[in-house]
Amino acid sequence: MVETATAKAAKAQHYSFFQGVERNFDKAAGFTRFEKGILEQIKACNSVYQMKFPVRIGDKIEVVEAYRVQHSHHKLPCKGGIRYSMDVNQDEVMALAALMTYKCAIVNVPFGGAKGGIRINPKNYTTFELEKITRRYASELVKKNFIGPGIDVPAPDYGTGAREMSWIADTYASLKPGEIDALGCVTGKPVTQGGVRGRTEATGLGVFYGVRELCNVAEDMKRLGLSTGIEGKKVVVQGLGNVGYHAAKFFYEGGAIIVGLAEYEGGIYNEKGLDLEKVVAHRKATGSILDFPGATNIANSLETLEQECDILIPAALENVINASNAARIKAKIIGEGANGPLTPEADEILLQKGAIIVPDMYLNAGGVTVSYFEWLKNLSHVRFGRMDKRFSENQNTNILQTVESLTGKRVTDIERRQIMHGPDEVDLVYSGLEDTMIGSYHEIREAMLSLNMTDMRTAAFTVAINKVGVSYEELGIFP
């Protein structure tokens, strides 16, 4: 019997993102030593807040559906983004909150996982209307004690950005007068409102650092039949939003060749390479990446993922690579820039083909890592680098002058500037992020090798479960 299109669509809609996360969790749990009760506690969502609130839009009153899920309280505050999308539902928010718990554990950020969402299409509202919706959502979170610098700290996600985070921070501060750490209630804010330099590009930069570290492991590259290092590798990126654009930018600057780009209107491909900034300028001028000079148009955006390349970065939405198209993916390295772009079925198919999948819960953790830095900045009330930038520059100058005096040689002006430069805030943020992504990658790889695992996702889940499980053991279970 042939399955109808309607039946296929219903089956696709029935796919549970949260159950997919639980399935990966259960696979990894077998490699840990924890008893069933602890594992069930780690896996469960601790608090789910579904809300509906009225907002006047024009001359009508609209009832808005929204969510905030706190997956784990083993560390506080909880941490996770807020997305604005018509696809927001409880299952999705629960899954993303769970991934946040494991993500924070993997990169050693002391937060529990959380996630939020408002079921709207932000393109259908004016800036003033979006502000009303955002502020009302924030006030609902305050009302139920679901936000605060020591309770739950949201951040931007799909459909939101620094503007919305600034509105949330202002709403929280107005409802909590005199709270000195009020700016720490949310991250991803504008720099002028307590944000940190480097936060905008953090997730995309983290994707680059993670894949670069994989490519620097000669043993793994030899198994894939690739050369060591990022330079010269052909990359396809899906999504030119914040994550995809910055990931593509850093790959391009690192010497990789961007051969394919995909957006919702379609994709473009050129095996000799695409100039990212020219593509962005073309899209800004025409409203589409299609018809870019020298590139081949791909009408179906998803087919761009199936083109010849070494590295594929899906950096848009979840479930874009699944049982129906995984077999046609040609990339040897798939780096999950988005949350959940591969289904468990796709994982199995690609692993059988010998591909290396760098999982989302590690690879896109750059955002939460730098959000952690921003939160620390808000609690300390001082910009990173302010206390030691000049001290470092003066110390470096003295060392350089001593070396020049002893050797009788002078360095060039360019070398002098590089040596004497004291770290700015963005330098320290980049350094902290790079160190985090490199250290966490090798922690996952070591777990994979020591436990004879076949994939990085299971290893990443195992690393996360072990850390969260130890927290619960050390905290104790209240009788």
Protein backbone atom coordinates (compact mmCIF):
# COMPACT_ATOMS: atom_id res chain seq x y z
CA MET A 1 0.00 0.00 0.00
CA VAL A 2 1.41 3.41 -1.04
CA GLU A 3 1.66 5.97 1.75
CA THR A 4 -0.23 9.15 0.84
CA ALA A 5 1.30 12.62 1.07
CA THR A 6 -1.17 13.46 3.85
CA ALA A 7 -0.12 10.38 5.82
CA LYS A 8 3.56 11.26 5.38
CA ALA A 9 2.92 14.82 6.55
CA ALA A 10 1.02 13.58 9.61
CA LYS A 11 3.87 11.18 10.39
CA ALA A 12 6.44 14.00 10.13
CA GLN A 13 4.35 16.22 12.39
CA HIS A 14 4.12 13.40 14.93
CA TYR A 15 7.92 13.32 15.30
CA SER A 16 8.78 14.29 18.87
CA PHE A 17 11.97 16.31 19.23
CA PHE A 18 11.96 15.68 22.99
CA GLN A 19 11.63 11.91 22.50
CA GLY A 20 14.55 12.10 20.08
CA VAL A 21 16.66 13.74 22.81
CA GLU A 22 15.50 11.09 25.32
CA ARG A 23 16.43 8.35 22.86
CA ASN A 24 19.99 9.69 22.62
CA PHE A 25 20.08 10.06 26.42
CA ASP A 26 19.05 6.41 26.95
CA LYS A 27 21.72 5.23 24.52
CA ALA A 28 24.42 7.08 26.46
CA ALA A 29 23.04 6.22 29.92
CA GLY A 30 24.19 2.60 29.42
CA PHE A 31 27.79 3.81 29.52
CA THR A 32 27.35 5.44 32.94
CA ARG A 33 27.29 3.99 36.48
CA PHE A 34 24.25 5.80 37.87
CA GLU A 35 21.17 4.05 39.23
CA LYS A 36 17.85 4.28 37.41
CA GLY A 37 16.35 6.90 39.77
CA ILE A 38 19.20 9.38 39.23
CA LEU A 39 19.03 8.87 35.46
CA GLU A 40 15.27 9.49 35.48
CA GLN A 41 15.78 12.70 37.45
CA ILE A 42 18.47 13.93 35.04
CA LYS A 43 16.25 13.17 32.06
CA ALA A 44 13.03 14.75 33.35
CA CYS A 45 12.03 18.41 32.89
CA ASN A 46 11.77 19.87 36.39
CA SER A 47 9.39 22.77 35.65
CA VAL A 48 7.18 23.50 32.64
CA TYR A 49 5.36 26.83 32.50
CA GLN A 50 2.81 27.21 29.72
CA MET A 51 1.11 30.59 29.65
CA LYS A 52 -1.43 32.54 27.63
CA PHE A 53 -1.77 36.28 27.97
CA PRO A 54 -3.72 39.01 26.17
CA VAL A 55 -2.03 41.81 24.22
CA ARG A 56 -3.78 44.60 22.34
CA ILE A 57 -2.62 44.56 18.72
CA GLY A 58 -4.13 47.44 16.75
CA ASP A 59 -7.83 47.55 17.54
CA LYS A 60 -8.01 43.86 18.56
CA ILE A 61 -6.92 41.81 21.56
CA GLU A 62 -4.71 38.83 20.73
CA VAL A 63 -4.15 35.90 23.09
CA VAL A 64 -0.49 34.93 22.90
CA GLU A 65 0.76 31.41 23.70
CA ALA A 66 4.19 31.17 25.35
CA TYR A 67 6.44 28.80 27.30
CA ARG A 68 9.35 28.67 29.70
CA VAL A 69 10.83 25.29 30.64
CA GLN A 70 13.44 24.71 33.35
CA HIS A 71 14.86 21.29 32.62
CA SER A 72 17.34 20.92 35.48
CA HIS A 73 18.01 22.58 38.83
CA HIS A 74 21.24 20.71 39.63
CA LYS A 75 22.95 24.07 39.08
CA LEU A 76 21.41 27.51 39.38
CA PRO A 77 20.56 29.74 37.66
CA CYS A 78 18.95 27.94 34.73
CA LYS A 79 20.00 29.20 31.30
CA GLY A 80 18.49 29.11 27.85
CA GLY A 81 17.28 31.16 24.90
CA ILE A 82 13.88 32.52 23.94
CA ARG A 83 12.64 31.95 20.40
CA TYR A 84 9.80 33.64 18.51
CA SER A 85 8.32 31.28 15.94
CA MET A 86 4.99 29.79 14.86
CA ASP A 87 6.64 26.37 15.31
CA VAL A 88 7.05 26.89 19.08
CA ASN A 89 5.35 24.15 21.10
CA GLN A 90 5.86 22.46 24.44
CA ASP A 91 7.67 19.43 23.01
CA GLU A 92 10.21 21.61 21.19
CA VAL A 93 10.85 23.86 24.19
CA MET A 94 11.29 20.84 26.50
CA ALA A 95 13.77 19.27 24.06
CA LEU A 96 15.80 22.46 23.72
CA ALA A 97 15.82 22.93 27.52
CA ALA A 98 17.14 19.39 27.95
CA LEU A 99 19.88 20.00 25.38
CA MET A 100 20.83 23.17 27.28
CA THR A 101 21.41 21.15 30.47
CA TYR A 102 23.76 18.77 28.68
CA LYS A 103 25.37 21.60 26.70
CA CYS A 104 26.25 23.57 29.84
CA ALA A 105 27.67 20.45 31.49
CA ILE A 106 29.84 19.63 28.47
CA VAL A 107 31.48 23.07 28.36
CA ASN A 108 31.71 23.33 32.18
CA VAL A 109 29.34 26.28 32.50
CA PRO A 110 27.61 26.14 35.93
CA PHE A 111 23.99 26.49 34.77
CA GLY A 112 20.97 24.22 34.59
CA GLY A 113 19.24 24.02 31.22
CA ALA A 114 16.16 26.06 30.32
CA LYS A 115 14.39 27.34 27.21
CA GLY A 116 11.56 29.68 26.32
CA GLY A 117 9.41 30.48 23.35
CA ILE A 118 6.52 32.65 22.16
CA ARG A 119 4.31 31.27 19.41
CA ILE A 120 4.24 34.24 17.04
CA ASN A 121 5.67 35.20 13.67
CA PRO A 122 7.67 38.34 14.55
CA LYS A 123 7.44 39.54 10.93
CA ASN A 124 3.70 40.09 11.41
CA TYR A 125 4.15 42.72 14.12
CA THR A 126 5.50 46.25 14.36
CA THR A 127 8.44 47.03 16.65
CA PHE A 128 6.05 48.59 19.16
CA GLU A 129 3.80 45.50 19.15
CA LEU A 130 6.79 43.18 19.59
CA GLU A 131 7.94 45.27 22.53
CA LYS A 132 4.49 44.97 24.16
CA ILE A 133 4.50 41.17 23.69
CA THR A 134 8.07 40.83 24.99
CA ARG A 135 7.49 43.01 28.06
CA ARG A 136 4.27 41.16 28.91
CA TYR A 137 6.07 37.82 28.59
CA ALA A 138 8.86 39.09 30.87
CA SER A 139 6.33 40.28 33.47
CA GLU A 140 4.66 36.85 33.42
CA LEU A 141 8.04 35.24 34.10
CA VAL A 142 8.68 37.64 37.00
CA LYS A 143 5.22 36.91 38.40
CA LYS A 144 5.94 33.16 38.62
CA ASN A 145 9.60 33.57 39.69
CA PHE A 146 10.83 32.12 36.38
CA ILE A 147 13.49 34.78 35.76
CA GLY A 148 16.30 36.36 37.77
CA PRO A 149 20.12 36.47 37.91
CA GLY A 150 20.14 33.60 40.41
CA ILE A 151 17.00 31.80 39.15
CA ASP A 152 16.70 31.67 35.36
CA VAL A 153 18.62 33.74 32.80
CA PRO A 154 17.19 33.86 29.24
CA ALA A 155 19.14 34.73 26.08
CA PRO A 156 18.41 35.30 22.36
CA ASP A 157 17.41 32.45 20.09
CA TYR A 158 15.67 32.08 16.72
CA GLY A 159 13.60 35.22 16.03
CA THR A 160 15.03 37.30 18.89
CA GLY A 161 18.15 39.37 19.49
CA ALA A 162 19.79 42.06 21.61
CA ARG A 163 16.76 44.35 21.25
CA GLU A 164 14.36 41.89 22.87
CA MET A 165 16.87 41.07 25.63
CA SER A 166 17.16 44.79 26.42
CA TRP A 167 13.37 45.03 26.77
CA ILE A 168 13.34 42.04 29.11
CA ALA A 169 16.15 43.47 31.26
CA ASP A 170 14.36 46.81 31.56
CA THR A 171 11.04 45.14 32.45
CA TYR A 172 12.71 42.99 35.11
CA ALA A 173 14.54 45.98 36.62
CA SER A 174 11.32 48.02 36.76
CA LEU A 175 9.54 45.20 38.61
CA LYS A 176 12.49 44.57 40.95
CA PRO A 177 13.54 48.08 42.04
CA GLY A 178 16.85 48.30 43.84
CA GLU A 179 18.12 44.87 42.73
CA ILE A 180 21.79 45.64 42.10
CA ASP A 181 22.35 42.60 39.84
CA ALA A 182 19.20 43.16 37.74
CA LEU A 183 21.15 43.29 34.44
CA GLY A 184 22.24 39.70 35.10
CA CYS A 185 18.65 38.50 34.58
CA VAL A 186 19.25 38.06 30.83
CA THR A 187 22.22 37.81 28.45
CA GLY A 188 22.75 38.73 24.82
CA LYS A 189 22.03 42.39 25.62
CA PRO A 190 23.47 45.37 23.72
CA VAL A 191 26.94 46.29 24.99
CA THR A 192 25.57 49.63 26.19
CA GLN A 193 23.07 47.75 28.39
CA GLY A 194 25.56 45.42 30.08
CA GLY A 195 26.22 43.08 27.15
CA VAL A 196 29.64 41.65 26.42
CA ARG A 197 31.70 42.21 23.28
CA GLY A 198 31.88 39.05 21.18
CA ARG A 199 28.46 37.68 22.18
CA THR A 200 26.86 38.29 18.75
CA GLU A 201 29.31 36.06 16.86
CA ALA A 202 29.94 33.63 19.75
CA THR A 203 27.89 30.65 18.53
CA GLY A 204 29.23 30.79 14.97
CA LEU A 205 32.80 31.26 16.24
CA GLY A 206 32.34 28.29 18.59
CA VAL A 207 31.20 26.18 15.62
CA PHE A 208 34.39 27.13 13.80
CA TYR A 209 36.65 26.41 16.80
CA GLY A 210 35.03 22.99 17.34
CA VAL A 211 35.28 21.82 13.72
CA ARG A 212 38.79 23.26 13.41
CA GLU A 213 39.90 21.22 16.43
CA LEU A 214 38.50 18.04 14.84
CA CYS A 215 40.32 18.85 11.59
CA ASN A 216 43.58 19.31 13.52
CA VAL A 217 43.51 15.68 14.73
CA ALA A 218 45.61 13.88 12.11
CA GLU A 219 44.36 10.41 13.11
CA ASP A 220 40.70 11.32 12.52
CA MET A 221 41.42 13.12 9.25
CA LYS A 222 43.37 10.13 7.96
CA ARG A 223 40.37 7.89 8.65
CA LEU A 224 38.17 10.24 6.61
CA GLY A 225 40.72 10.49 3.80
CA LEU A 226 41.21 14.21 4.39
CA SER A 227 44.28 16.36 5.03
CA THR A 228 44.94 17.79 8.49
CA GLY A 229 43.78 21.34 9.14
CA ILE A 230 40.87 23.53 8.04
CA GLU A 231 42.60 25.18 5.08
CA GLY A 232 41.33 24.16 1.64
CA LYS A 233 38.36 22.15 2.91
CA LYS A 234 35.09 22.64 1.04
CA VAL A 235 32.21 23.80 3.23
CA VAL A 236 28.44 24.03 2.74
CA VAL A 237 26.48 26.14 5.26
CA GLN A 238 22.71 26.04 5.66
CA GLY A 239 21.29 29.26 7.09
CA LEU A 240 22.64 32.80 6.88
CA GLY A 241 21.24 33.91 10.20
CA ASN A 242 23.47 34.87 13.08
CA VAL A 243 25.01 31.40 13.57
CA GLY A 244 25.35 30.40 9.92
CA TYR A 245 26.73 33.73 8.75
CA HIS A 246 29.40 33.95 11.43
CA ALA A 247 30.36 30.27 11.09
CA ALA A 248 30.78 30.76 7.32
CA LYS A 249 32.73 33.98 7.93
CA PHE A 250 35.24 32.34 10.27
CA PHE A 251 35.63 29.27 8.02
CA TYR A 252 36.30 31.60 5.08
CA GLU A 253 38.85 33.63 7.07
CA GLY A 254 40.43 30.37 8.28
CA GLY A 255 41.21 29.30 4.71
CA ALA A 256 38.27 26.99 4.00
CA ILE A 257 36.35 27.27 0.72
CA ILE A 258 32.64 28.09 1.03
CA VAL A 259 31.16 26.15 -1.92
CA GLY A 260 27.47 26.17 -0.96
CA LEU A 261 25.01 28.35 0.93
CA ALA A 262 21.34 27.62 1.62
CA GLU A 263 18.50 29.84 2.79
CA TYR A 264 14.73 29.36 2.87
CA GLU A 265 14.35 30.77 -0.69
CA GLY A 266 16.80 28.20 -2.13
CA GLY A 267 20.50 27.49 -2.36
CA ILE A 268 23.57 28.38 -4.44
CA TYR A 269 26.65 26.29 -5.23
CA ASN A 270 30.02 26.90 -6.82
CA GLU A 271 32.73 24.27 -6.41
CA LYS A 272 35.43 26.93 -6.86
CA GLY A 273 34.10 28.91 -3.91
CA LEU A 274 31.75 31.75 -3.00
CA ASP A 275 32.67 35.16 -1.61
CA LEU A 276 30.51 35.31 1.51
CA GLU A 277 30.33 39.10 1.84
CA LYS A 278 29.40 39.50 -1.83
CA VAL A 279 26.62 36.91 -1.38
CA VAL A 280 25.31 38.82 1.64
CA ALA A 281 25.43 42.11 -0.31
CA HIS A 282 23.63 40.43 -3.24
CA ARG A 283 20.89 39.16 -0.92
CA LYS A 284 20.50 42.57 0.66
CA ALA A 285 20.13 44.18 -2.79
CA THR A 286 17.81 41.56 -4.35
CA GLY A 287 16.11 39.92 -1.36
CA SER A 288 17.52 36.50 -2.27
CA ILE A 289 20.80 34.59 -2.51
CA LEU A 290 19.58 33.08 -5.81
CA ASP A 291 21.05 34.27 -9.12
CA PHE A 292 24.38 35.13 -7.52
CA PRO A 293 26.92 35.62 -10.34
CA GLY A 294 28.94 32.47 -11.05
CA ALA A 295 26.87 30.19 -8.82
CA THR A 296 24.36 27.47 -9.70
CA ASN A 297 20.85 27.96 -8.30
CA ILE A 298 19.27 25.11 -6.29
CA ALA A 299 15.50 25.58 -6.14
CA ASN A 300 14.95 23.21 -3.21
CA SER A 301 16.97 24.60 -0.32
CA LEU A 302 17.40 21.19 1.33
CA GLU A 303 19.08 19.79 -1.79
CA THR A 304 21.99 22.17 -1.14
CA LEU A 305 22.90 19.94 1.82
CA GLU A 306 23.40 17.03 -0.61
CA GLN A 307 26.08 18.74 -2.70
CA GLU A 308 29.76 17.69 -2.80
CA CYS A 309 31.70 19.06 0.17
CA ASP A 310 34.01 18.02 3.00
CA ILE A 311 32.18 19.85 5.81
CA LEU A 312 28.45 20.47 6.13
CA ILE A 313 27.15 22.99 8.68
CA PRO A 314 23.35 22.87 9.12
CA ALA A 315 22.75 26.10 11.05
CA ALA A 316 19.02 26.69 10.65
CA LEU A 317 16.24 24.61 12.24
CA GLU A 318 15.84 21.08 13.60
CA ASN A 319 15.13 17.83 11.70
CA VAL A 320 16.44 19.07 8.32
CA ILE A 321 18.50 15.88 7.87
CA ASN A 322 16.37 12.81 8.45
CA ALA A 323 15.70 9.29 7.19
CA SER A 324 14.47 10.61 3.83
CA ASN A 325 17.63 12.48 2.79
CA ALA A 326 20.53 11.32 5.02
CA ALA A 327 21.74 8.72 2.53
CA ARG A 328 22.31 11.47 -0.06
CA ILE A 329 24.52 13.60 2.21
CA LYS A 330 28.09 13.52 0.80
CA ALA A 331 29.94 15.49 3.51
CA LYS A 332 32.42 13.56 5.64
CA ILE A 333 32.07 15.99 8.57
CA ILE A 334 28.67 17.28 9.71
CA GLY A 335 28.87 20.07 12.30
CA GLU A 336 25.53 20.79 13.95
CA GLY A 337 25.34 24.58 14.17
CA ALA A 338 21.58 24.45 14.80
CA ASN A 339 19.80 22.59 17.59
CA GLY A 340 18.75 19.09 16.54
CA PRO A 341 19.26 19.36 12.74
CA LEU A 342 19.78 15.56 12.52
CA THR A 343 17.18 13.02 13.63
CA PRO A 344 18.36 9.79 15.35
CA GLU A 345 17.59 7.90 12.11
CA ALA A 346 19.84 10.28 10.16
CA ASP A 347 22.59 9.75 12.72
CA GLU A 348 22.55 5.98 12.13
CA ILE A 349 22.62 6.32 8.34
CA LEU A 350 25.51 8.81 8.30
CA LEU A 351 27.56 6.90 10.87
CA GLN A 352 27.25 3.77 8.73
CA LYS A 353 28.64 5.82 5.84
CA GLY A 354 31.68 6.66 8.00
CA ALA A 355 30.92 10.34 8.56
CA ILE A 356 31.87 12.19 11.75
CA ILE A 357 28.97 14.10 13.30
CA VAL A 358 29.99 16.89 15.68
CA PRO A 359 26.88 17.18 17.91
CA ASP A 360 24.93 20.36 18.59
CA MET A 361 25.11 20.03 22.35
CA TYR A 362 28.84 20.64 22.09
CA LEU A 363 29.34 22.51 18.84
CA ASN A 364 26.87 25.37 19.28
CA ALA A 365 27.71 25.88 22.96
CA GLY A 366 29.68 29.03 22.09
CA GLY A 367 26.57 31.12 22.72
CA VAL A 368 25.99 29.90 26.27
CA THR A 369 29.72 30.02 27.02
CA VAL A 370 29.94 33.71 26.17
CA SER A 371 26.56 34.29 27.85
CA TYR A 372 28.24 32.94 30.98
CA PHE A 373 31.00 35.52 30.53
CA GLU A 374 28.36 38.25 30.17
CA TRP A 375 26.58 37.06 33.33
CA LEU A 376 29.88 37.16 35.24
CA LYS A 377 30.49 40.68 33.91
CA ASN A 378 27.04 41.78 35.14
CA LEU A 379 27.63 40.32 38.60
CA SER A 380 31.11 41.85 38.92
CA HIS A 381 29.96 45.24 37.51
CA VAL A 382 33.22 45.77 35.60
CA ARG A 383 34.24 45.34 31.96
CA PHE A 384 36.71 42.54 31.24
CA GLY A 385 40.19 43.98 30.64
CA ARG A 386 39.53 47.28 32.37
CA MET A 387 41.73 46.43 35.35
CA ASP A 388 44.70 44.86 33.57
CA LYS A 389 44.88 46.09 29.94
CA ARG A 390 47.35 48.95 30.64
CA PHE A 391 49.28 46.87 33.14
CA SER A 392 49.81 44.17 30.48
CA GLU A 393 50.83 46.74 27.87
CA ASN A 394 53.34 48.39 30.22
CA GLN A 395 54.77 45.01 31.25
CA ASN A 396 55.07 43.88 27.62
CA THR A 397 56.77 47.19 26.73
CA ASN A 398 59.36 46.72 29.49
CA ILE A 399 60.08 43.13 28.41
CA LEU A 400 60.44 44.19 24.77
CA GLN A 401 62.77 47.06 25.62
CA THR A 402 64.93 44.73 27.72
CA VAL A 403 65.17 42.15 24.90
CA GLU A 404 66.04 44.87 22.34
CA SER A 405 68.67 46.30 24.70
CA LEU A 406 70.27 42.89 25.28
CA THR A 407 70.26 41.83 21.62
CA GLY A 408 70.92 45.19 20.01
CA LYS A 409 68.14 44.50 17.50
CA ARG A 410 64.78 46.19 17.01
CA VAL A 411 61.51 44.57 16.02
CA THR A 412 59.32 46.00 13.24
CA ASP A 413 56.48 48.43 14.01
CA ILE A 414 53.87 45.73 13.27
CA GLU A 415 55.61 43.27 15.60
CA ARG A 416 55.92 45.98 18.24
CA ARG A 417 52.17 46.68 18.19
CA GLN A 418 51.38 42.96 18.40
CA ILE A 419 53.75 42.33 21.32
CA MET A 420 52.74 45.41 23.30
CA HIS A 421 48.98 44.98 22.81
CA GLY A 422 47.09 44.49 26.08
CA PRO A 423 43.88 42.41 25.88
CA ASP A 424 40.58 44.17 25.20
CA GLU A 425 37.30 42.64 26.35
CA VAL A 426 36.70 40.95 23.00
CA ASP A 427 40.21 39.43 23.04
CA LEU A 428 39.54 37.85 26.43
CA VAL A 429 36.11 36.61 25.34
CA TYR A 430 37.55 34.99 22.19
CA SER A 431 40.38 33.46 24.22
CA GLY A 432 38.00 32.03 26.83
CA LEU A 433 35.71 30.62 24.13
CA GLU A 434 38.58 29.06 22.18
CA ASP A 435 39.98 27.41 25.30
CA THR A 436 36.52 26.10 26.24
CA MET A 437 35.80 24.60 22.81
CA ILE A 438 39.24 22.98 22.51
CA GLY A 439 39.18 21.50 26.02
CA SER A 440 35.61 20.20 25.71
CA TYR A 441 36.31 18.62 22.30
CA HIS A 442 39.17 16.53 23.67
CA GLU A 443 37.12 15.57 26.73
CA ILE A 444 34.42 14.18 24.43
CA ARG A 445 36.94 12.49 22.13
CA GLU A 446 38.71 10.87 25.08
CA ALA A 447 35.39 9.49 26.38
CA MET A 448 34.55 8.15 22.92
CA LEU A 449 37.88 6.34 22.60
CA SER A 450 38.07 5.02 26.17
CA LEU A 451 34.53 3.59 26.05
CA ASN A 452 34.86 2.26 22.46
CA MET A 453 31.96 4.36 21.20
CA THR A 454 31.21 4.84 17.53
CA ASP A 455 29.93 8.40 17.63
CA MET A 456 30.58 11.76 19.28
CA ARG A 457 26.95 12.39 20.21
CA THR A 458 26.78 9.40 22.55
CA ALA A 459 30.15 10.39 24.00
CA ALA A 460 28.95 13.97 24.56
CA PHE A 461 25.77 12.77 26.28
CA THR A 462 27.84 10.43 28.45
CA VAL A 463 30.18 13.24 29.51
CA ALA A 464 27.17 15.42 30.34
CA ILE A 465 25.27 12.72 32.25
CA ASN A 466 28.35 11.95 34.34
CA LYS A 467 28.76 15.59 35.36
CA VAL A 468 25.07 16.16 36.17
CA GLY A 469 24.87 12.79 37.96
CA VAL A 470 27.84 13.63 40.17
CA SER A 471 26.16 16.95 41.05
CA TYR A 472 23.03 15.14 42.22
CA GLU A 473 25.09 12.63 44.22
CA GLU A 474 27.08 15.36 45.94
CA LEU A 475 24.01 17.51 46.63
CA GLY A 476 22.19 14.53 48.09
CA ILE A 477 18.51 13.62 47.72
CA PHE A 478 16.28 15.22 50.34
CA PRO A 479 14.53 12.45 52.35
